[in-house]
Protein backbone atom coordinates (compact mmCIF):
# COMPACT_ATOMS: atom_id res chain seq x y z
CA MET A 1 0.00 0.00 0.02
CA ALA A 2 0.88 3.68 -1.14
CA GLU A 3 2.39 6.46 1.51
CA THR A 4 2.57 4.52 4.73
CA ASP A 5 4.92 4.42 7.42
CA GLN A 6 4.97 0.92 9.53
CA GLU A 7 5.23 0.01 13.09
CA VAL A 8 4.04 -2.99 14.64
CA ALA A 9 0.56 -2.47 16.05
CA PRO A 10 0.44 -2.57 19.78
CA SER A 11 -1.64 -5.01 21.65
CA TYR A 12 -2.73 -2.39 24.20
CA THR A 13 -0.28 0.06 26.33
CA ALA A 14 -2.27 -0.25 29.99
CA ASN A 15 -3.97 3.01 31.44
CA PRO A 16 -2.92 2.41 35.24
CA ASN A 17 -6.70 3.25 36.16
CA GLN A 18 -7.99 0.78 33.62
CA LYS A 19 -5.86 -2.59 34.53
CA VAL A 20 -8.79 -4.42 32.77
CA TYR A 21 -8.17 -3.42 29.64
CA ASP A 22 -4.54 -5.46 29.72
CA THR A 23 -5.89 -8.33 28.17
CA ALA A 24 -8.68 -8.97 25.72
CA HIS A 25 -10.82 -11.53 26.99
CA VAL A 26 -14.81 -11.41 27.41
CA VAL A 27 -16.03 -10.61 30.84
CA ASP A 28 -19.40 -11.18 31.67
CA HIS A 29 -22.13 -8.54 30.84
CA GLU A 30 -19.21 -6.07 29.39
CA VAL A 31 -18.35 -4.60 26.32
CA ASN A 32 -14.48 -3.57 26.33
CA VAL A 33 -13.53 -1.57 23.43
CA LEU A 34 -9.42 -1.81 24.08
CA ASP A 35 -7.83 -0.34 20.73
CA ILE A 36 -9.36 0.42 16.98
CA TYR A 37 -6.24 1.54 14.83
CA PHE A 38 -5.59 1.84 10.92
CA ALA A 39 -3.30 -0.91 9.64
CA GLU A 40 -2.03 -2.26 6.47
CA LYS A 41 -1.83 -5.96 5.69
CA VAL A 42 2.01 -7.04 5.26
CA LYS A 43 4.24 -9.82 4.34
CA LYS A 44 5.57 -11.74 8.07
CA TYR A 45 8.14 -13.67 8.09
CA LYS A 46 9.69 -16.72 10.44
CA TRP A 47 13.20 -18.06 10.92
CA GLU A 48 13.43 -21.64 9.31
CA LYS A 49 16.57 -24.32 10.20
CA LYS A 50 18.40 -25.34 7.37
CA GLU A 51 21.57 -27.30 6.57
CA GLU A 52 22.86 -28.18 2.82
CA SER A 53 26.52 -30.43 2.58
CA TYR A 54 29.09 -28.49 1.04
CA THR A 55 31.83 -30.14 -1.28
CA VAL A 56 35.32 -27.94 -0.68
CA LYS A 57 36.37 -27.53 -4.25
CA GLY A 58 39.90 -25.97 -4.08
CA GLY A 59 41.30 -25.70 -0.67
CA GLY A 60 40.69 -22.64 1.90
CA ALA A 61 39.28 -22.39 5.36
CA ILE A 62 36.03 -22.68 6.70
CA ALA A 63 35.74 -19.46 6.52
CA ASP A 64 35.20 -18.80 3.15
CA VAL A 65 32.82 -21.55 2.88
CA VAL A 66 30.67 -19.78 5.72
CA ASN A 67 31.02 -16.41 3.09
CA LYS A 68 29.89 -18.74 0.44
CA PHE A 69 26.34 -19.19 2.43
CA LYS A 70 26.13 -15.68 4.07
CA LYS A 71 22.80 -13.83 2.85
CA PRO A 72 20.66 -11.15 4.41
CA THR A 73 18.09 -13.34 4.81
CA ARG A 74 20.33 -15.73 6.79
CA ARG A 75 21.40 -16.24 10.50
CA ASN A 76 23.24 -18.03 12.59
CA ILE A 77 25.32 -19.99 9.93
CA THR A 78 27.39 -23.19 11.54
CA THR A 79 29.79 -25.37 10.29
CA ASP A 80 30.27 -29.34 10.43
CA PRO A 81 33.24 -29.96 11.37
CA ASN A 82 34.44 -26.87 12.30
CA PRO A 83 38.01 -27.03 11.59
CA THR A 84 40.99 -24.39 12.00
CA THR A 85 43.15 -26.09 9.25
CA PRO A 86 42.98 -25.46 5.96
CA LEU A 87 40.51 -27.56 3.87
CA LYS A 88 41.17 -29.60 1.23
CA LYS A 89 39.65 -30.46 -2.34
CA GLY A 90 36.65 -32.94 -1.64
CA ASP A 91 36.33 -32.18 1.99
CA VAL A 92 32.55 -32.13 2.90
CA ILE A 93 31.00 -29.75 5.22
CA LYS A 94 27.58 -29.62 6.35
CA VAL A 95 26.48 -26.05 6.80
CA SER A 96 23.49 -25.43 8.81
CA TRP A 97 21.18 -21.85 9.32
CA GLU A 98 18.43 -20.04 9.77
CA GLU A 99 16.68 -18.66 6.68
CA GLN A 100 13.84 -16.30 6.68
CA VAL A 101 10.85 -17.32 4.68
CA GLU A 102 7.64 -15.73 4.28
CA ASP A 103 4.43 -17.08 6.65
CA GLY A 104 1.55 -15.21 5.70
CA LEU A 105 0.44 -11.88 5.97
CA GLU A 106 -0.10 -9.72 9.35
CA LEU A 107 -1.86 -6.68 10.25
CA LYS A 108 0.79 -3.64 11.07
CA LYS A 109 -0.30 -0.16 12.33
CA ILE A 110 0.25 2.62 9.87
CA LYS A 111 0.99 6.37 10.72
CA ARG A 112 0.55 7.69 7.03
CA VAL A 113 -1.40 6.66 3.91
CA GLY A 114 -2.13 8.29 0.50
CA LEU A 115 -5.45 10.11 -0.29
CA GLY A 116 -7.40 7.16 -2.30
CA LYS A 117 -5.80 4.24 -1.16
CA LYS A 118 -6.73 1.21 0.65
CA LEU A 119 -6.03 0.42 4.33
CA PHE A 120 -7.61 -1.65 6.94
CA VAL A 121 -9.68 -0.36 10.05
CA VAL A 122 -8.70 -2.54 13.18
CA ALA A 123 -10.66 -2.77 16.56
CA ASN A 124 -9.76 -4.76 19.40
CA CYS A 125 -12.92 -5.93 21.53
CA ALA A 126 -14.21 -7.97 23.99
CA GLY A 127 -17.43 -8.66 24.49
CA ALA A 128 -20.68 -11.15 23.69
CA SER A 129 -23.39 -8.89 22.35
CA GLY A 130 -23.94 -5.47 20.32
CA LYS A 131 -23.00 -3.94 17.49
CA LEU A 132 -19.59 -1.73 17.20
CA GLU A 133 -19.89 1.46 15.48
CA ILE A 134 -16.93 3.03 13.94
CA GLU A 135 -16.46 6.72 12.27
CA ILE A 136 -13.63 8.44 10.95
CA HIS A 137 -13.02 12.23 11.86
CA GLU A 138 -10.56 14.93 10.42
CA ASN A 139 -8.77 16.84 13.70
CA LEU A 140 -7.87 20.16 12.09
CA GLN A 141 -4.70 20.94 14.29
CA THR A 142 -3.84 24.26 13.44
CA GLU A 143 -5.87 24.49 9.98
CA THR A 144 -9.02 26.85 9.79
CA GLU A 145 -10.88 25.37 7.35
CA ALA A 146 -11.70 21.57 7.12
CA ILE A 147 -10.85 19.13 3.98
CA TYR A 148 -12.80 16.33 4.98
CA THR A 149 -16.59 16.96 5.83
CA ASN A 150 -17.10 14.97 9.53
CA PRO A 151 -17.81 11.89 9.56
CA VAL A 152 -15.26 10.95 6.97
CA LYS A 153 -16.59 9.36 3.69
CA PHE A 154 -14.93 6.11 2.08
CA LEU A 155 -15.48 3.27 0.36
CA ILE A 156 -16.34 -0.72 1.38
CA ALA A 157 -16.05 -2.67 -1.61
CA ASP A 158 -17.66 -0.12 -4.09
CA ALA A 159 -20.20 1.46 -1.80
CA GLU A 160 -19.92 4.49 0.16
CA LYS A 161 -19.88 4.90 3.83
CA THR A 162 -19.38 7.09 6.87
CA LYS A 163 -19.33 4.12 9.20
CA ILE A 164 -18.11 1.08 10.04
CA GLU A 165 -20.10 -1.43 11.51
CA PHE A 166 -18.94 -5.02 13.64
CA SER A 167 -21.53 -7.31 15.23
CA ILE A 168 -19.63 -8.28 18.33
CA SER A 169 -19.79 -11.55 19.22
CA LYS A 170 -17.76 -13.78 21.95
CA GLU A 171 -15.79 -15.87 19.55
CA LYS A 172 -13.81 -13.19 18.63
CA THR A 173 -12.14 -10.42 19.95
CA GLN A 174 -10.36 -8.65 16.80
CA TYR A 175 -12.10 -7.27 13.99
CA GLU A 176 -11.26 -5.81 10.83
CA GLN A 177 -12.91 -4.05 7.83
CA GLU A 178 -10.94 -3.06 4.16
CA ILE A 179 -11.74 0.43 3.07
CA THR A 180 -10.63 2.67 0.50
CA LEU A 181 -9.76 6.40 1.52
CA ARG A 182 -11.86 8.42 -0.91
CA PRO A 183 -15.43 9.65 -1.70
CA LYS A 184 -17.47 7.55 -4.33
CA ASP A 185 -18.15 10.03 -6.93
CA ASP A 186 -14.83 11.18 -9.11
CA LYS A 187 -15.77 14.91 -8.91
CA ASP A 188 -16.11 14.90 -5.00
CA PHE A 189 -12.70 13.25 -4.86
CA GLU A 190 -11.35 16.05 -7.19
CA LYS A 191 -13.08 18.68 -4.57
CA LEU A 192 -11.13 16.50 -2.13
CA GLU A 193 -7.64 16.95 -3.68
CA GLU A 194 -8.41 20.76 -4.40
CA LYS A 195 -9.03 21.37 -0.63
CA PHE A 196 -5.24 19.63 0.04
CA ASN A 197 -3.77 21.58 -2.25
CA LYS A 198 -4.82 24.40 -0.86
CA ARG A 199 -2.65 23.20 2.06
CA THR A 200 1.07 24.19 2.59
CA LYS A 201 1.36 20.85 3.90
CA LYS A 202 -1.00 18.75 1.64
CA GLU A 203 -1.58 16.87 5.08
CA ALA A 204 -4.70 15.87 7.05
CA TYR A 205 -5.12 14.47 10.49
CA LEU A 206 -7.84 11.46 11.00
CA PHE A 207 -8.93 9.63 14.01
CA LEU A 208 -11.60 7.23 15.19
CA LYS A 209 -14.52 7.08 17.18
CA ALA A 210 -16.49 4.52 18.68
CA ASN A 211 -20.02 3.88 19.78
CA VAL A 212 -21.92 0.37 20.87
CA THR A 213 -25.26 -0.29 20.49
CA GLY A 214 -27.41 -3.00 20.52
CA THR A 215 -27.01 -4.23 24.35
CA THR A 216 -27.72 -3.92 27.63
CA ASP A 217 -23.97 -4.81 28.63
CA THR A 218 -21.91 -1.80 30.56
CA ILE A 219 -19.61 -0.46 27.86
CA LYS A 220 -15.77 0.53 28.68
CA TYR A 221 -12.88 2.35 26.37
CA PRO A 222 -9.64 2.96 27.76
CA GLY A 223 -9.77 6.19 29.60
CA ASP A 224 -13.39 6.62 29.27
CA VAL A 225 -12.99 7.89 26.35
CA ALA A 226 -14.23 6.46 23.07
CA GLU A 227 -12.04 8.46 20.84
CA PHE A 228 -8.75 6.73 19.22
CA LEU A 229 -5.67 8.01 17.64
CA ASN A 230 -6.83 11.79 18.68
CA LYS A 231 -3.90 12.42 20.77
CA ASP A 232 -0.24 13.96 19.18
CA GLU A 233 1.85 11.53 17.25
CA GLU A 234 -1.17 9.06 17.22
CA ARG A 235 -3.64 10.85 14.28
CA LEU A 236 -3.27 9.31 10.42
CA ILE A 237 -1.88 11.50 8.10
CA VAL A 238 -3.22 11.39 5.29
CA LYS A 239 -1.06 13.16 2.36
CA ASN A 240 -2.36 14.11 -1.11
CA CYS A 241 0.06 13.17 -4.39
CA ASP A 242 -1.14 15.35 -7.32
CA CYS A 243 0.26 12.29 -9.75
CA GLY A 244 1.42 15.21 -12.11
CA LYS A 245 -1.79 16.34 -12.89
CA ARG A 246 -0.33 20.09 -13.45
CA TYR A 247 1.21 18.62 -16.29
CA LYS A 248 -1.84 17.37 -18.40
CA ASN A 249 -1.51 19.93 -21.16
CA ASP A 250 1.90 20.01 -21.52
CA ILE A 251 2.44 16.48 -23.56
CA GLU A 252 2.50 15.91 -26.73
CA CYS A 253 1.47 14.01 -29.91
CA THR A 254 4.71 13.30 -31.58
CA ARG A 255 5.63 10.43 -34.52
CA TYR A 256 8.67 8.48 -34.81
CA GLY A 257 8.36 7.03 -38.23
CA THR A 258 4.80 5.59 -38.57
CA ILE A 259 4.30 5.44 -34.75
CA TYR A 260 2.71 8.25 -32.89
CA GLY A 261 3.01 8.95 -29.24
CA PRO A 262 3.24 11.33 -26.20
CA VAL A 263 6.32 13.42 -25.54
CA TYR A 264 6.98 15.47 -22.69
CA TRP A 265 10.25 17.63 -23.90
CA GLY A 266 10.88 18.60 -20.43
CA THR A 267 12.14 21.69 -18.93
CA MET A 268 15.28 20.83 -16.47
CA PRO A 269 18.87 20.22 -18.92
CA LEU A 270 21.11 18.66 -16.77
CA ASP A 271 23.57 21.56 -16.71
CA GLY A 272 20.41 23.23 -14.55
CA TYR A 273 20.35 20.69 -11.96
CA ALA A 274 20.06 22.80 -8.92
CA LYS A 275 22.40 20.78 -6.54
CA TRP A 276 25.40 20.57 -8.72
CA ALA A 277 27.88 22.23 -6.41
CA ASP A 278 26.86 20.12 -3.49
CA LEU A 279 27.55 16.92 -5.35
CA VAL A 280 31.37 18.40 -6.36
CA SER A 281 31.81 19.76 -2.67
CA ASN A 282 30.99 16.64 -1.51
CA ASN A 283 32.92 14.25 -3.86
CA THR A 284 30.09 12.86 -5.21
CA VAL A 285 30.64 14.09 -8.58
CA SER A 286 34.26 15.43 -10.01
CA GLU A 287 34.59 18.58 -12.27
CA ASP A 288 35.54 16.27 -15.13
CA GLU A 289 32.79 14.07 -13.95
CA LYS A 290 30.54 16.99 -14.21
CA THR A 291 31.63 18.17 -17.27
CA ILE A 292 31.67 15.07 -18.93
CA LEU A 293 28.06 13.97 -18.27
CA ILE A 294 26.58 17.56 -19.28
CA ALA A 295 28.25 17.50 -22.48
CA MET A 296 27.11 14.03 -23.24
CA SER A 297 23.30 14.40 -21.95
CA GLU A 298 22.72 17.55 -24.56
CA ASN A 299 22.66 14.21 -27.01
CA GLU A 300 19.89 12.19 -24.67
CA GLY A 301 17.16 14.78 -22.89
CA LYS A 302 16.36 16.40 -20.23
CA LEU A 303 16.25 15.41 -16.37
CA ASP A 304 12.30 15.08 -16.92
CA ALA A 305 12.16 14.50 -20.44
CA VAL A 306 9.45 11.37 -21.02
CA GLN A 307 8.23 9.50 -24.11
CA SER A 308 6.42 6.76 -25.45
CA TYR A 309 6.88 6.73 -29.14
CA ASP A 310 9.35 4.55 -30.10
CA SER A 311 9.77 0.58 -29.17
CA GLU A 312 9.97 1.13 -25.67
CA ILE A 313 6.44 1.42 -23.16
CA ILE A 314 8.33 4.73 -21.54
CA THR A 315 11.91 6.38 -21.99
CA ALA A 316 12.83 8.83 -19.08
CA GLY A 317 15.26 11.20 -17.88
CA ALA A 318 18.86 12.66 -19.13
CA MET A 319 19.93 9.08 -19.27
CA GLN A 320 16.93 7.83 -21.11
CA LYS A 321 16.08 4.73 -19.16
CA THR A 322 13.22 2.72 -20.22
CA ILE A 323 10.88 0.55 -19.53
CA ASN A 324 10.95 -2.20 -22.39
CA PRO A 325 8.14 -3.89 -24.53
CA GLN A 326 7.72 -6.85 -21.68
CA GLY A 327 7.68 -4.48 -18.70
CA TYR A 328 11.34 -4.71 -17.49
CA GLY A 329 13.91 -2.33 -18.12
CA GLU A 330 16.50 -0.02 -16.45
CA LEU A 331 13.99 2.43 -15.48
CA PRO A 332 11.94 -0.09 -13.27
CA ILE A 333 15.51 -0.78 -11.82
CA GLN A 334 16.22 2.73 -11.40
CA ILE A 335 12.82 3.33 -9.75
CA TRP A 336 13.05 0.30 -7.34
CA GLU A 337 16.25 1.71 -6.01
CA PHE A 338 15.25 4.89 -5.26
CA LYS A 339 12.00 3.61 -3.18
CA THR A 340 14.77 1.70 -0.86
CA VAL A 341 16.31 5.51 -0.16
CA TYR A 342 13.19 7.30 -0.31
CA PRO A 343 10.04 5.24 0.87
CA GLU A 344 7.61 7.69 1.00
CA LYS A 345 8.07 9.60 -2.10
CA TYR A 346 8.28 6.12 -4.00
CA ALA A 347 4.86 5.80 -2.29
CA CYS A 348 3.49 9.39 -3.31
CA TYR A 349 4.74 9.46 -7.08
CA VAL A 350 4.51 6.00 -7.94
CA GLU A 351 2.04 3.47 -5.93
CA ASN A 352 -0.26 6.53 -4.85
CA CYS A 353 -0.36 7.11 -8.86
CA LYS A 354 -1.61 3.40 -9.98
CA TRP A 355 2.12 2.53 -10.61
CA VAL A 356 3.66 0.07 -9.33
CA ILE A 357 7.59 -1.82 -9.48
CA GLU A 358 7.78 -5.11 -8.76
CA GLU A 359 10.32 -7.53 -7.57
CA GLU A 360 10.70 -10.85 -9.17
CA LYS A 361 13.17 -13.78 -8.11
CA THR A 362 14.56 -16.44 -9.81
CA GLU A 363 16.34 -19.36 -8.04
CA THR A 364 18.35 -21.47 -10.64
CA VAL A 365 21.11 -24.43 -9.31
CA ASN A 366 23.43 -25.71 -11.49
CA SER A 367 25.46 -28.86 -12.32
CA ALA A 368 27.33 -28.59 -9.56
CA GLY A 369 24.56 -27.49 -6.78
CA VAL A 370 25.37 -23.46 -6.80
CA LYS A 371 22.74 -21.61 -6.80
CA THR A 372 22.19 -18.06 -8.34
CA ILE A 373 19.24 -15.83 -7.68
CA THR A 374 18.21 -13.71 -10.37
CA LEU A 375 16.36 -10.38 -9.44
CA LYS A 376 14.31 -8.43 -12.43
CA TYR A 377 11.83 -5.62 -11.79
CA LYS A 378 8.65 -5.00 -13.75
CA ALA A 379 6.61 -2.15 -14.04
CA SER A 380 2.83 -1.74 -14.51
CA TYR A 381 0.43 0.69 -14.36
CA ASP A 382 -2.89 0.18 -13.56
CA GLY A 383 -2.59 -3.51 -13.51
CA LEU A 384 -1.48 -3.32 -17.24
CA THR A 385 2.60 -4.39 -18.82
CA GLY A 386 3.83 -5.18 -21.90
CA ASP A 387 2.22 -4.40 -24.88
CA ALA A 388 -1.73 -3.39 -22.94
CA LEU A 389 0.24 -1.00 -21.23
CA LYS A 390 2.16 0.65 -24.39
CA SER A 391 -1.52 0.77 -25.97
CA LYS A 392 -3.07 2.41 -23.13
CA ILE A 393 -0.25 5.22 -23.18
CA ARG A 394 -0.55 5.52 -26.23
CA GLU A 395 -4.69 5.99 -26.38
CA GLY A 396 -5.63 8.98 -28.53
CA PHE A 397 -2.23 9.61 -29.89
CA GLU A 398 -2.66 9.45 -33.74
CA LYS A 399 -1.94 11.13 -36.78
CA SER A 400 -5.21 13.93 -36.92
CA LYS A 401 -3.49 15.03 -33.40
CA PHE A 402 0.41 15.54 -34.42
CA LYS A 403 1.82 18.22 -32.50
CA SER A 404 -1.42 18.82 -30.59
CA LYS A 405 -1.37 18.73 -26.76
CA VAL A 406 -3.33 15.00 -25.67
CA GLU A 407 -3.94 14.14 -22.22
CA CYS A 408 -1.86 10.96 -20.90
CA LYS A 409 -2.77 10.25 -17.46
CA PRO A 410 -0.29 7.40 -16.96
CA MET A 411 2.76 9.68 -17.85
CA GLU A 412 2.21 12.36 -15.54
CA PRO A 413 3.33 10.71 -12.49
CA ILE A 414 6.41 9.83 -14.41
CA ILE A 415 6.91 13.57 -15.41
CA ASN A 416 6.29 14.62 -11.61
CA LEU A 417 9.05 11.89 -10.15
CA MET A 418 11.67 13.15 -12.76
CA LYS A 419 11.12 16.92 -11.53
CA ASP A 420 12.07 15.44 -7.73
CA GLU A 421 15.37 16.63 -6.55
CA ASP A 422 16.16 13.57 -5.19
CA TYR A 423 15.21 11.58 -8.03
CA GLN A 424 17.49 14.04 -10.48
CA LYS A 425 20.20 13.14 -7.76
CA LYS A 426 19.62 9.86 -8.22
CA GLN A 427 19.90 10.21 -12.24
CA ILE A 428 22.93 12.01 -11.92
CA THR A 429 25.18 9.36 -9.71
CA ASP A 430 23.68 6.40 -11.95
CA PHE A 431 25.30 8.24 -14.76
CA ILE A 432 28.66 8.41 -12.98
CA LYS A 433 28.33 4.51 -12.47
CA ARG A 434 27.44 4.09 -15.94
CA LEU A 435 30.49 6.18 -16.91
CA ASN A 436 32.66 4.13 -14.86
CA SER A 437 30.90 0.71 -15.97
CA ALA A 438 31.34 1.45 -19.63
CA LEU A 439 35.34 2.15 -19.41
CA ALA A 440 35.67 -0.94 -17.21
CA LYS A 441 34.74 -3.01 -19.72
CA THR A 442 37.28 -5.13 -22.15
CA PRO A 443 38.03 -4.07 -26.00
CA THR A 444 37.16 -7.62 -28.11
CA GLY A 445 40.74 -8.58 -28.83
CA TYR A 446 42.53 -6.73 -26.23
CA SER A 447 42.25 -8.88 -23.21
CA THR A 448 44.68 -7.14 -20.88
CA THR A 449 43.42 -3.43 -21.08
CA SER A 450 40.21 -2.00 -20.30
CA ILE A 451 38.84 0.90 -22.33
CA SER A 452 39.99 3.41 -19.58
CA ASP A 453 43.27 2.49 -20.33
CA PHE A 454 42.68 4.10 -24.21
CA THR A 455 40.41 7.11 -23.10
CA LYS A 456 41.86 9.55 -20.34
CA SER A 457 40.04 12.77 -21.90
CA ASN A 458 36.66 13.90 -21.44
CA LEU A 459 35.99 13.66 -25.09
CA GLY A 460 37.23 10.16 -25.14
CA LYS A 461 34.71 9.00 -21.74
CA ALA A 462 31.96 11.06 -23.33
CA THR A 463 32.05 9.20 -26.49
CA VAL A 464 32.15 5.68 -24.49
CA LEU A 465 29.51 6.88 -21.91
CA ASP A 466 27.58 8.20 -25.45
CA HIS A 467 27.86 4.74 -26.69
CA ASP A 468 27.12 2.40 -23.85
CA VAL A 469 24.08 4.02 -22.79
CA ASN A 470 22.45 3.78 -26.80
CA ARG A 471 23.87 0.80 -27.58
CA PRO A 472 25.99 -0.98 -24.60
CA GLY A 473 25.85 -4.50 -26.49
CA HIS A 474 28.32 -2.87 -29.36
CA VAL A 475 30.48 -1.25 -27.04
CA LYS A 476 33.45 -3.82 -26.86
CA ASN A 477 33.32 -5.07 -30.37
CA CYS A 478 33.26 -1.44 -31.56
CA PHE A 479 35.85 -0.21 -29.55
CA GLY A 480 38.00 -3.28 -30.53
CA ALA A 481 37.43 -3.13 -34.47
CA ALA A 482 38.69 0.88 -33.95
CA LEU A 483 41.57 -0.07 -32.32
CA ASP A 484 42.22 -3.19 -35.09
CA SER A 485 42.26 -0.38 -37.48
CA PHE A 486 44.12 2.10 -35.54
CA PHE A 487 47.06 -0.31 -34.83
CA ALA A 488 46.89 -1.59 -38.75
CA ALA A 489 47.34 1.90 -40.07
CA ASN A 490 49.82 2.22 -37.10
CA PRO A 491 52.03 -0.79 -36.85
CA LYS A 492 55.15 0.80 -34.99
CA VAL A 493 52.96 1.70 -32.04
CA SER A 494 52.95 -0.23 -28.81
CA LYS A 495 49.69 -2.13 -28.12
CA SER A 496 50.16 -1.18 -24.40
CA PRO A 497 49.02 2.57 -24.23
CA ALA A 498 50.98 2.54 -20.72
CA ASP A 499 53.79 2.45 -23.68
CA TRP A 500 52.86 5.97 -25.31
CA GLY A 501 53.94 8.27 -23.23
CA THR A 502 53.78 11.46 -24.76
CA ASN A 503 51.74 10.08 -27.42
CA PHE A 504 49.13 9.53 -25.97
CA ALA A 505 46.69 12.66 -26.81
CA SER A 506 47.89 12.13 -30.23
CA ASN A 507 46.90 8.57 -30.17
CA GLU A 508 43.75 8.47 -28.13
CA SER A 509 42.53 10.77 -30.84
CA LYS A 510 43.17 9.26 -33.71
CA ILE A 511 41.31 6.12 -32.32
CA LEU A 512 38.68 8.62 -31.29
CA GLU A 513 38.12 9.68 -34.95
CA LEU A 514 37.88 6.09 -35.83
CA TYR A 515 35.43 4.71 -32.82
CA GLY A 516 32.87 7.78 -33.06
CA PRO A 517 31.98 7.51 -36.50
CA LEU A 518 32.36 3.43 -36.50
CA ARG A 519 29.20 3.27 -33.73
CA GLY A 520 27.01 3.84 -36.74
CA THR A 521 28.00 1.58 -39.39
CA GLY A 522 27.62 -1.83 -40.57
CA ASP A 523 26.45 -3.99 -37.46
CA TYR A 524 26.98 -1.17 -34.96
CA THR A 525 23.38 0.27 -35.30
CA MET A 526 23.71 3.26 -33.00
CA THR A 527 21.58 6.34 -34.45
CA ASN A 528 23.52 9.60 -35.74
CA ALA A 529 26.75 8.02 -34.26
CA THR A 530 28.86 10.87 -36.49
CA LYS A 531 26.71 14.01 -35.60
CA ARG A 532 26.25 12.67 -31.76
CA TYR A 533 30.90 12.72 -31.73
CA ASN A 534 31.04 15.76 -33.82
CA ASP A 535 28.47 17.61 -31.42
CA LEU A 536 30.81 16.36 -28.00
CA LYS A 537 33.95 17.28 -29.94
CA ALA A 538 32.76 20.99 -30.15
CA LYS A 539 31.80 21.55 -26.54
CA LEU A 540 34.82 18.82 -25.19
């Protein structure tokens, strides 16, 4: 569920004057309403004992075996035997550990939720008769104008309600009801959003009111107060995320060949990023890296550029990361990584706006018994992915609308995400990682060197990055082919760039003059390779 902070739901914190509420148990002729709170269902886990026999392949120490079995989901790894002497090939070691495994679902109390999201209202109540009624109300705090009309309207399934009702039974002490925090009518929902947007902090604070009817039993509440979560730091914070609706009139219908689709050209070039000075001063980015990224990104797009008019479902950002036709790709990975650092922002920008990034875990075992876990990340919008999602995004984009503004709801949240400063920082740091990984590649036919051994200039590094962002699978072969041509034309030059000395810059320049245009010829299919290289050369 989107936009939540989790904490384990308390069973109950005793009021010293109300000791009877410590334990949920039925007392004759009493209805004890112990606690009511907002929650979500999340996976719960347990620790299972596991063991496996491991056959030593080439010596080493017992610590090496333990390291092979270490994972974030494991603890208490032990070995039998546990020798202090070096291991020999063929030694068999029994490895035991505790593995964290899924164990169903549990309710966890939440402090925050996104407007329009699903959540649970949970009540702990001990009694034998009557009906427990629960309403949701807004606490204005210091605000002067209410967002909600008390009691708050919500949905149970598709029915609009203002009250949750539980029939009290001595057979149970916990009751739960899933609700959707929005009115039924879309126009009412839009009015609610408008009220949120008028506030400086686009938040509202909700608490719960209880009432028990239909019983002659004595009714008890903690502290004799029928309100729950109505103290400071207890109320549910409802946050509204506009999902980029402000950009609905800024998306244009464009064309790529015969394909029509949406594009938002963006307003934020990489050199306009607001916190470059911070990144450089704290050594996240060097001045040279900044220069390279700014020059190269002009061949791609702006930090907030988003489009869907080519083979991919979505292409976004300065690095033009994509959701590929199957729903995977580098953009879902980047968004997932952003989620791990900024979970609230992910919830607001992504999940609260019908987008979901799911982690898929595949485990394989080879013939030697070695397990490999592969992680993939898949994007969906409103339950759609793959071809169905691509079609949804491109609805209404056709020849008659070329160069006109066309609304595209699925793309609006992605634009909103790309405009976030922390996400832009993520784009930049990913750019640096990509630069370093591209330069670390080994040119085909030159196994003792990496591309970085041949490219020391900003132009050289930018040209390789430019290639890797667009055709990563071609970089090794293409750079190797450029080296082949260079050494064929210069047979007296050492194939070890470490020997070039004062001729290094001249040799690198000759290689780049071959490599830049070669990226777009023959089997190397990079679009506009020569122009892109010349543009880089003019800047660097």
